Structures are given as C-alpha cells and as structure tokens.
C-alpha cells in the first residue's frame, strides 16, 4: 500500500507542477533522447495503463500491448505507436 501512496503523491506533484502551463511549455526539449516534455508524459501514461492492464490479467495486457508491439516491430517509434498520446 505504501507504494500506491508514493505513486499517488508523485503523480499529484507532477500534476501540480504542470497544471496551467502553456502548450509551448510541453514542447520544451529534455535531456532524455531529445524528447519534449509531452513525450515524457505520454511515456509515463502508457506504462501506467500497462501496469493496470497487468493487474487485471495477462490476456488484458496482451490485448492492450499487442498493437503497440506490432508498431514497434514495424519500425515505428514508441511515441508513434502510443494510441493514447496526443501530439501537441
């Protein structure tokens, strides 16, 4: 339960840091692979969803991740195959 509480605290802190920002703030380049901040958010979001799917069942996770994996194998970037990520 402590991990859940830590995760919620971290999520709230991140939300509080970014709420009310301009769209241009989300386009700022980070030091990680030249991703912009919105790329990092998309990455965090999809893996949070994947964790939830894993808790449900391996079948649910496989259904969720299969199209993502197929896109990666076809040469798309992770950000291109993320079905829940809105490009700014």
PDB file of N, CA and C in Angstrom:
ATOM      1  N   UNK A   1       0.819  -1.199   0.000  1.00  0.00           N
ATOM      2  CA  UNK A   1       0.000   0.000   0.000  1.00  0.00           C
ATOM      3  C   UNK A   1       0.863   1.263   0.000  1.00  0.00           C
ATOM      4  N   UNK A   2       2.030   1.180   0.618  1.00  0.00           N
ATOM      5  CA  UNK A   2       2.920   2.342   0.672  1.00  0.00           C
ATOM      6  C   UNK A   2       3.347   2.769  -0.737  1.00  0.00           C
ATOM      7  N   UNK A   3       3.590   1.795  -1.627  1.00  0.00           N
ATOM      8  CA  UNK A   3       3.974   2.121  -2.992  1.00  0.00           C
ATOM      9  C   UNK A   3       2.863   2.865  -3.720  1.00  0.00           C
ATOM     10  N   UNK A   4       1.634   2.473  -3.468  1.00  0.00           N
ATOM     11  CA  UNK A   4       0.494   3.143  -4.087  1.00  0.00           C
ATOM     12  C   UNK A   4       0.418   4.580  -3.603  1.00  0.00           C
ATOM     13  N   UNK A   5       0.589   4.772  -2.318  1.00  0.00           N
ATOM     14  CA  UNK A   5       0.547   6.122  -1.766  1.00  0.00           C
ATOM     15  C   UNK A   5       1.687   6.979  -2.312  1.00  0.00           C
ATOM     16  N   UNK A   6       2.883   6.407  -2.435  1.00  0.00           N
ATOM     17  CA  UNK A   6       4.012   7.135  -3.014  1.00  0.00           C
ATOM     18  C   UNK A   6       3.726   7.515  -4.463  1.00  0.00           C
ATOM     19  N   UNK A   7       3.174   6.562  -5.218  1.00  0.00           N
ATOM     20  CA  UNK A   7       2.842   6.827  -6.612  1.00  0.00           C
ATOM     21  C   UNK A   7       1.831   7.966  -6.722  1.00  0.00           C
ATOM     22  N   UNK A   8       0.807   7.936  -5.884  1.00  0.00           N
ATOM     23  CA  UNK A   8      -0.200   8.998  -5.921  1.00  0.00           C
ATOM     24  C   UNK A   8       0.394  10.358  -5.561  1.00  0.00           C
ATOM     25  N   UNK A   9       1.297  10.386  -4.571  1.00  0.00           N
ATOM     26  CA  UNK A   9       1.959  11.646  -4.198  1.00  0.00           C
ATOM     27  C   UNK A   9       2.799  12.179  -5.355  1.00  0.00           C
ATOM     28  N   UNK A  10       3.548  11.288  -5.994  1.00  0.00           N
ATOM     29  CA  UNK A  10       4.384  11.706  -7.127  1.00  0.00           C
ATOM     30  C   UNK A  10       3.523  12.206  -8.286  1.00  0.00           C
ATOM     31  N   UNK A  11       2.430  11.502  -8.550  1.00  0.00           N
ATOM     32  CA  UNK A  11       1.535  11.910  -9.638  1.00  0.00           C
ATOM     33  C   UNK A  11       0.926  13.280  -9.356  1.00  0.00           C
ATOM     34  N   UNK A  12       0.508  13.504  -8.120  1.00  0.00           N
ATOM     35  CA  UNK A  12      -0.069  14.802  -7.762  1.00  0.00           C
ATOM     36  C   UNK A  12       0.974  15.912  -7.864  1.00  0.00           C
ATOM     37  N   UNK A  13       2.187  15.641  -7.428  1.00  0.00           N
ATOM     38  CA  UNK A  13       3.242  16.647  -7.516  1.00  0.00           C
ATOM     39  C   UNK A  13       3.535  17.002  -8.974  1.00  0.00           C
ATOM     40  N   UNK A  14       3.568  16.004  -9.836  1.00  0.00           N
ATOM     41  CA  UNK A  14       3.796  16.246 -11.258  1.00  0.00           C
ATOM     42  C   UNK A  14       2.638  17.036 -11.859  1.00  0.00           C
ATOM     43  N   UNK A  15       1.425  16.669 -11.493  1.00  0.00           N
ATOM     44  CA  UNK A  15       0.245  17.397 -11.964  1.00  0.00           C
ATOM     45  C   UNK A  15       0.305  18.853 -11.530  1.00  0.00           C
ATOM     46  N   UNK A  16       0.585  19.067 -10.263  1.00  0.00           N
ATOM     47  CA  UNK A  16       0.634  20.430  -9.731  1.00  0.00           C
ATOM     48  C   UNK A  16       1.717  21.267 -10.413  1.00  0.00           C
ATOM     49  N   UNK A  17       2.806  20.625 -10.773  1.00  0.00           N
ATOM     50  CA  UNK A  17       3.897  21.322 -11.446  1.00  0.00           C
ATOM     51  C   UNK A  17       3.503  21.776 -12.852  1.00  0.00           C
ATOM     52  N   UNK A  18       2.685  20.989 -13.524  1.00  0.00           N
ATOM     53  CA  UNK A  18       2.395  21.253 -14.933  1.00  0.00           C
ATOM     54  C   UNK A  18       1.038  21.902 -15.207  1.00  0.00           C
ATOM     55  N   UNK A  19       0.116  21.837 -14.255  1.00  0.00           N
ATOM     56  CA  UNK A  19      -1.218  22.396 -14.491  1.00  0.00           C
ATOM     57  C   UNK A  19      -1.115  23.904 -14.753  1.00  0.00           C
ATOM     58  N   UNK A  20      -1.867  24.356 -15.729  1.00  0.00           N
ATOM     59  CA  UNK A  20      -1.889  25.782 -16.046  1.00  0.00           C
ATOM     60  C   UNK A  20      -0.766  26.238 -16.954  1.00  0.00           C
ATOM     61  N   UNK A  21       0.077  25.326 -17.376  1.00  0.00           N
ATOM     62  CA  UNK A  21       1.183  25.699 -18.263  1.00  0.00           C
ATOM     63  C   UNK A  21       0.678  25.907 -19.686  1.00  0.00           C
ATOM     64  N   UNK A  22       1.437  26.672 -20.451  1.00  0.00           N
ATOM     65  CA  UNK A  22       1.113  26.887 -21.855  1.00  0.00           C
ATOM     66  C   UNK A  22       1.513  25.643 -22.654  1.00  0.00           C
ATOM     67  N   UNK A  23       0.866  25.441 -23.804  1.00  0.00           N
ATOM     68  CA  UNK A  23       1.231  24.313 -24.665  1.00  0.00           C
ATOM     69  C   UNK A  23       2.712  24.357 -25.027  1.00  0.00           C
ATOM     70  N   UNK A  24       3.243  25.532 -25.202  1.00  0.00           N
ATOM     71  CA  UNK A  24       4.648  25.648 -25.590  1.00  0.00           C
ATOM     72  C   UNK A  24       5.581  25.087 -24.516  1.00  0.00           C
ATOM     73  N   UNK A  25       5.147  25.098 -23.256  1.00  0.00           N
ATOM     74  CA  UNK A  25       5.971  24.517 -22.191  1.00  0.00           C
ATOM     75  C   UNK A  25       6.143  23.015 -22.391  1.00  0.00           C
ATOM     76  N   UNK A  26       5.127  22.361 -22.950  1.00  0.00           N
ATOM     77  CA  UNK A  26       5.175  20.925 -23.160  1.00  0.00           C
ATOM     78  C   UNK A  26       6.020  20.546 -24.375  1.00  0.00           C
ATOM     79  N   UNK A  27       6.433  21.536 -25.146  1.00  0.00           N
ATOM     80  CA  UNK A  27       7.275  21.290 -26.323  1.00  0.00           C
ATOM     81  C   UNK A  27       8.758  21.518 -26.034  1.00  0.00           C
ATOM     82  N   UNK A  28       9.085  21.835 -24.799  1.00  0.00           N
ATOM     83  CA  UNK A  28      10.481  22.069 -24.444  1.00  0.00           C
ATOM     84  C   UNK A  28      11.247  20.747 -24.454  1.00  0.00           C
ATOM     85  N   UNK A  29      12.438  20.793 -25.018  1.00  0.00           N
ATOM     86  CA  UNK A  29      13.261  19.591 -25.147  1.00  0.00           C
ATOM     87  C   UNK A  29      13.909  19.248 -23.808  1.00  0.00           C
ATOM     88  N   UNK A  30      13.881  17.946 -23.496  1.00  0.00           N
ATOM     89  CA  UNK A  30      14.506  17.455 -22.273  1.00  0.00           C
ATOM     90  C   UNK A  30      15.893  16.909 -22.597  1.00  0.00           C
ATOM     91  N   UNK A  31      16.609  16.476 -21.596  1.00  0.00           N
ATOM     92  CA  UNK A  31      17.927  15.879 -21.800  1.00  0.00           C
ATOM     93  C   UNK A  31      17.831  14.389 -22.122  1.00  0.00           C
ATOM     94  N   UNK A  32      16.627  13.846 -22.144  1.00  0.00           N
ATOM     95  CA  UNK A  32      16.439  12.433 -22.424  1.00  0.00           C
ATOM     96  C   UNK A  32      16.065  12.245 -23.887  1.00  0.00           C
ATOM     97  N   UNK A  33      17.012  11.786 -24.679  1.00  0.00           N
ATOM     98  CA  UNK A  33      16.790  11.455 -26.095  1.00  0.00           C
ATOM     99  C   UNK A  33      16.173  12.598 -26.891  1.00  0.00           C
ATOM    100  N   UNK A  34      16.365  13.816 -26.434  1.00  0.00           N
ATOM    101  CA  UNK A  34      15.760  14.986 -27.074  1.00  0.00           C
ATOM    102  C   UNK A  34      14.237  14.931 -27.129  1.00  0.00           C
ATOM    103  N   UNK A  35      13.637  14.147 -26.239  1.00  0.00           N
ATOM    104  CA  UNK A  35      12.183  14.131 -26.151  1.00  0.00           C
ATOM    105  C   UNK A  35      11.733  15.464 -25.588  1.00  0.00           C
ATOM    106  N   UNK A  36      10.547  15.879 -25.999  1.00  0.00           N
ATOM    107  CA  UNK A  36       9.944  17.050 -25.378  1.00  0.00           C
ATOM    108  C   UNK A  36       9.146  16.578 -24.165  1.00  0.00           C
ATOM    109  N   UNK A  37       8.747  17.506 -23.338  1.00  0.00           N
ATOM    110  CA  UNK A  37       8.055  17.146 -22.096  1.00  0.00           C
ATOM    111  C   UNK A  37       6.794  16.338 -22.377  1.00  0.00           C
ATOM    112  N   UNK A  38       6.073  16.672 -23.437  1.00  0.00           N
ATOM    113  CA  UNK A  38       4.856  15.907 -23.738  1.00  0.00           C
ATOM    114  C   UNK A  38       5.192  14.459 -24.114  1.00  0.00           C
ATOM    115  N   UNK A  39       6.354  14.214 -24.706  1.00  0.00           N
ATOM    116  CA  UNK A  39       6.783  12.837 -24.984  1.00  0.00           C
ATOM    117  C   UNK A  39       6.954  12.058 -23.681  1.00  0.00           C
ATOM    118  N   UNK A  40       7.562  12.693 -22.707  1.00  0.00           N
ATOM    119  CA  UNK A  40       7.796  12.045 -21.410  1.00  0.00           C
ATOM    120  C   UNK A  40       6.460  11.728 -20.741  1.00  0.00           C
ATOM    121  N   UNK A  41       5.525  12.678 -20.786  1.00  0.00           N
ATOM    122  CA  UNK A  41       4.202  12.428 -20.211  1.00  0.00           C
ATOM    123  C   UNK A  41       3.515  11.258 -20.905  1.00  0.00           C
ATOM    124  N   UNK A  42       3.602  11.201 -22.214  1.00  0.00           N
ATOM    125  CA  UNK A  42       2.993  10.097 -22.953  1.00  0.00           C
ATOM    126  C   UNK A  42       3.594   8.759 -22.574  1.00  0.00           C
ATOM    127  N   UNK A  43       4.894   8.737 -22.401  1.00  0.00           N
ATOM    128  CA  UNK A  43       5.595   7.522 -21.999  1.00  0.00           C
ATOM    129  C   UNK A  43       5.138   7.067 -20.608  1.00  0.00           C
ATOM    130  N   UNK A  44       5.100   7.985 -19.675  1.00  0.00           N
ATOM    131  CA  UNK A  44       4.661   7.650 -18.316  1.00  0.00           C
ATOM    132  C   UNK A  44       3.220   7.161 -18.316  1.00  0.00           C
ATOM    133  N   UNK A  45       2.378   7.831 -19.072  1.00  0.00           N
ATOM    134  CA  UNK A  45       0.958   7.499 -19.096  1.00  0.00           C
ATOM    135  C   UNK A  45       0.715   6.094 -19.633  1.00  0.00           C
ATOM    136  N   UNK A  46       1.348   5.761 -20.746  1.00  0.00           N
ATOM    137  CA  UNK A  46       1.061   4.443 -21.337  1.00  0.00           C
ATOM    138  C   UNK A  46       1.564   3.315 -20.447  1.00  0.00           C
ATOM    139  N   UNK A  47       2.679   3.526 -19.749  1.00  0.00           N
ATOM    140  CA  UNK A  47       3.153   2.459 -18.875  1.00  0.00           C
ATOM    141  C   UNK A  47       2.345   2.379 -17.580  1.00  0.00           C
ATOM    142  N   UNK A  48       1.739   3.462 -17.169  1.00  0.00           N
ATOM    143  CA  UNK A  48       0.784   3.382 -16.055  1.00  0.00           C
ATOM    144  C   UNK A  48      -0.423   2.551 -16.473  1.00  0.00           C
ATOM    145  N   UNK A  49      -0.904   2.785 -17.699  1.00  0.00           N
ATOM    146  CA  UNK A  49      -2.023   1.985 -18.199  1.00  0.00           C
ATOM    147  C   UNK A  49      -1.625   0.515 -18.325  1.00  0.00           C
ATOM    148  N   UNK A  50      -0.433   0.263 -18.807  1.00  0.00           N
ATOM    149  CA  UNK A  50       0.034  -1.118 -18.947  1.00  0.00           C
ATOM    150  C   UNK A  50       0.072  -1.814 -17.590  1.00  0.00           C
ATOM    151  N   UNK A  51       0.489  -1.108 -16.553  1.00  0.00           N
ATOM    152  CA  UNK A  51       0.522  -1.699 -15.211  1.00  0.00           C
ATOM    153  C   UNK A  51      -0.881  -2.069 -14.749  1.00  0.00           C
ATOM    154  N   UNK A  52      -1.844  -1.214 -15.020  1.00  0.00           N
ATOM    155  CA  UNK A  52      -3.234  -1.508 -14.650  1.00  0.00           C
ATOM    156  C   UNK A  52      -3.735  -2.727 -15.406  1.00  0.00           C
ATOM    157  N   UNK A  53      -3.420  -2.808 -16.697  1.00  0.00           N
ATOM    158  CA  UNK A  53      -3.841  -3.959 -17.503  1.00  0.00           C
ATOM    159  C   UNK A  53      -3.213  -5.240 -16.977  1.00  0.00           C
ATOM    160  N   UNK A  54      -1.970  -5.176 -16.535  1.00  0.00           N
ATOM    161  CA  UNK A  54      -1.282  -6.346 -15.995  1.00  0.00           C
ATOM    162  C   UNK A  54      -1.980  -6.842 -14.733  1.00  0.00           C
ATOM    163  N   UNK A  55      -2.427  -5.922 -13.897  1.00  0.00           N
ATOM    164  CA  UNK A  55      -3.133  -6.306 -12.678  1.00  0.00           C
ATOM    165  C   UNK A  55      -4.448  -7.001 -12.989  1.00  0.00           C
ATOM    166  N   UNK A  56      -5.078  -6.611 -14.096  1.00  0.00           N
ATOM    167  CA  UNK A  56      -6.340  -7.234 -14.477  1.00  0.00           C
ATOM    168  C   UNK A  56      -6.111  -8.685 -14.895  1.00  0.00           C
ATOM    169  N   UNK A  57      -5.268  -8.893 -15.914  1.00  0.00           N
ATOM    170  CA  UNK A  57      -4.928 -10.253 -16.348  1.00  0.00           C
ATOM    171  C   UNK A  57      -3.892 -10.171 -17.458  1.00  0.00           C
ATOM    172  N   UNK A  58      -3.218 -11.280 -17.688  1.00  0.00           N
ATOM    173  CA  UNK A  58      -2.230 -11.309 -18.766  1.00  0.00           C
ATOM    174  C   UNK A  58      -2.913 -11.167 -20.127  1.00  0.00           C
ATOM    175  N   UNK A  59      -4.125 -11.670 -20.249  1.00  0.00           N
ATOM    176  CA  UNK A  59      -4.870 -11.551 -21.508  1.00  0.00           C
ATOM    177  C   UNK A  59      -5.192 -10.076 -21.782  1.00  0.00           C
ATOM    178  N   UNK A  60      -5.641  -9.372 -20.765  1.00  0.00           N
ATOM    179  CA  UNK A  60      -5.948  -7.945 -20.914  1.00  0.00           C
ATOM    180  C   UNK A  60      -4.702  -7.166 -21.307  1.00  0.00           C
ATOM    181  N   UNK A  61      -3.571  -7.476 -20.660  1.00  0.00           N
ATOM    182  CA  UNK A  61      -2.328  -6.799 -21.005  1.00  0.00           C
ATOM    183  C   UNK A  61      -1.933  -7.107 -22.443  1.00  0.00           C
ATOM    184  N   UNK A  62      -2.006  -8.373 -22.832  1.00  0.00           N
ATOM    185  CA  UNK A  62      -1.622  -8.761 -24.193  1.00  0.00           C
ATOM    186  C   UNK A  62      -2.479  -8.045 -25.238  1.00  0.00           C
ATOM    187  N   UNK A  63      -3.778  -7.955 -24.995  1.00  0.00           N
ATOM    188  CA  UNK A  63      -4.671  -7.245 -25.913  1.00  0.00           C
ATOM    189  C   UNK A  63      -4.296  -5.766 -26.013  1.00  0.00           C
ATOM    190  N   UNK A  64      -3.942  -5.191 -24.897  1.00  0.00           N
ATOM    191  CA  UNK A  64      -3.555  -3.784 -24.845  1.00  0.00           C
ATOM    192  C   UNK A  64      -2.229  -3.541 -25.569  1.00  0.00           C
ATOM    193  N   UNK A  65      -1.252  -4.415 -25.313  1.00  0.00           N
ATOM    194  CA  UNK A  65       0.101  -4.125 -25.780  1.00  0.00           C
ATOM    195  C   UNK A  65       0.400  -4.660 -27.184  1.00  0.00           C
ATOM    196  N   UNK A  66      -0.381  -5.611 -27.679  1.00  0.00           N
ATOM    197  CA  UNK A  66      -0.104  -6.230 -28.979  1.00  0.00           C
ATOM    198  C   UNK A  66       0.021  -5.204 -30.110  1.00  0.00           C
ATOM    199  N   UNK A  67      -0.936  -4.282 -30.286  1.00  0.00           N
ATOM    200  CA  UNK A  67      -0.782  -3.320 -31.387  1.00  0.00           C
ATOM    201  C   UNK A  67       0.419  -2.393 -31.201  1.00  0.00           C
ATOM    202  N   UNK A  68       0.758  -2.115 -29.977  1.00  0.00           N
ATOM    203  CA  UNK A  68       1.935  -1.286 -29.714  1.00  0.00           C
ATOM    204  C   UNK A  68       3.189  -2.038 -30.141  1.00  0.00           C
ATOM    205  N   UNK A  69       3.278  -3.296 -29.736  1.00  0.00           N
ATOM    206  CA  UNK A  69       4.437  -4.119 -30.084  1.00  0.00           C
ATOM    207  C   UNK A  69       4.547  -4.291 -31.598  1.00  0.00           C
ATOM    208  N   UNK A  70       3.436  -4.495 -32.272  1.00  0.00           N
ATOM    209  CA  UNK A  70       3.448  -4.652 -33.730  1.00  0.00           C
ATOM    210  C   UNK A  70       3.976  -3.391 -34.405  1.00  0.00           C
ATOM    211  N   UNK A  71       3.582  -2.235 -33.910  1.00  0.00           N
ATOM    212  CA  UNK A  71       4.092  -0.980 -34.464  1.00  0.00           C
ATOM    213  C   UNK A  71       5.581  -0.830 -34.255  1.00  0.00           C
ATOM    214  N   UNK A  72       6.050  -1.209 -33.079  1.00  0.00           N
ATOM    215  CA  UNK A  72       7.483  -1.141 -32.790  1.00  0.00           C
ATOM    216  C   UNK A  72       8.265  -2.072 -33.723  1.00  0.00           C
ATOM    217  N   UNK A  73       7.739  -3.268 -33.913  1.00  0.00           N
ATOM    218  CA  UNK A  73       8.407  -4.217 -34.807  1.00  0.00           C
ATOM    219  C   UNK A  73       8.400  -3.735 -36.255  1.00  0.00           C
ATOM    220  N   UNK A  74       7.414  -2.920 -36.626  1.00  0.00           N
ATOM    221  CA  UNK A  74       7.318  -2.383 -37.981  1.00  0.00           C
ATOM    222  C   UNK A  74       8.200  -1.150 -38.175  1.00  0.00           C
ATOM    223  N   UNK A  75       8.914  -0.766 -37.117  1.00  0.00           N
ATOM    224  CA  UNK A  75       9.841   0.348 -37.238  1.00  0.00           C
ATOM    225  C   UNK A  75       9.334   1.684 -36.742  1.00  0.00           C
ATOM    226  N   UNK A  76       8.137   1.716 -36.176  1.00  0.00           N
ATOM    227  CA  UNK A  76       7.643   2.970 -35.621  1.00  0.00           C
ATOM    228  C   UNK A  76       8.319   3.227 -34.280  1.00  0.00           C
ATOM    229  N   UNK A  77       8.385   4.494 -33.904  1.00  0.00           N
ATOM    230  CA  UNK A  77       8.923   4.835 -32.591  1.00  0.00           C
ATOM    231  C   UNK A  77       7.858   4.549 -31.540  1.00  0.00           C
ATOM    232  N   UNK A  78       8.290   4.470 -30.308  1.00  0.00           N
ATOM    233  CA  UNK A  78       7.342   4.248 -29.219  1.00  0.00           C
ATOM    234  C   UNK A  78       6.273   5.328 -29.193  1.00  0.00           C
ATOM    235  N   UNK A  79       6.683   6.560 -29.429  1.00  0.00           N
ATOM    236  CA  UNK A  79       5.726   7.662 -29.382  1.00  0.00           C
ATOM    237  C   UNK A  79       4.735   7.595 -30.536  1.00  0.00           C
ATOM    238  N   UNK A  80       5.161   7.065 -31.681  1.00  0.00           N
ATOM    239  CA  UNK A  80       4.249   6.934 -32.823  1.00  0.00           C
ATOM    240  C   UNK A  80       3.186   5.861 -32.586  1.00  0.00           C
ATOM    241  N   UNK A  81       3.534   4.828 -31.846  1.00  0.00           N
ATOM    242  CA  UNK A  81       2.589   3.729 -31.645  1.00  0.00           C
ATOM    243  C   UNK A  81       1.731   3.886 -30.401  1.00  0.00           C
ATOM    244  N   UNK A  82       1.978   4.895 -29.610  1.00  0.00           N
ATOM    245  CA  UNK A  82       1.223   5.112 -28.387  1.00  0.00           C
ATOM    246  C   UNK A  82      -0.186   5.599 -28.739  1.00  0.00           C
ATOM    247  N   UNK A  83      -1.191   4.728 -28.598  1.00  0.00           N
ATOM    248  CA  UNK A  83      -2.542   5.110 -29.027  1.00  0.00           C
ATOM    249  C   UNK A  83      -3.237   6.121 -28.123  1.00  0.00           C
ATOM    250  N   UNK A  84      -2.666   6.417 -26.983  1.00  0.00           N
ATOM    251  CA  UNK A  84      -3.306   7.309 -26.026  1.00  0.00           C
ATOM    252  C   UNK A  84      -2.613   8.664 -25.936  1.00  0.00           C
ATOM    253  N   UNK A  85      -1.667   8.877 -26.814  1.00  0.00           N
ATOM    254  CA  UNK A  85      -0.831  10.058 -26.714  1.00  0.00           C
ATOM    255  C   UNK A  85      -1.249  11.084 -27.754  1.00  0.00           C
ATOM    256  N   UNK A  86      -1.613  12.251 -27.314  1.00  0.00           N
ATOM    257  CA  UNK A  86      -1.993  13.327 -28.218  1.00  0.00           C
ATOM    258  C   UNK A  86      -0.791  14.222 -28.441  1.00  0.00           C
ATOM    259  N   UNK A  87      -0.401  14.346 -29.682  1.00  0.00           N
ATOM    260  CA  UNK A  87       0.717  15.235 -30.008  1.00  0.00           C
ATOM    261  C   UNK A  87       0.279  16.686 -29.859  1.00  0.00           C
ATOM    262  N   UNK A  88       1.114  17.468 -29.259  1.00  0.00           N
ATOM    263  CA  UNK A  88       0.813  18.894 -29.117  1.00  0.00           C
ATOM    264  C   UNK A  88       1.345  19.660 -30.310  1.00  0.00           C
TER     265      UNK A  88
END
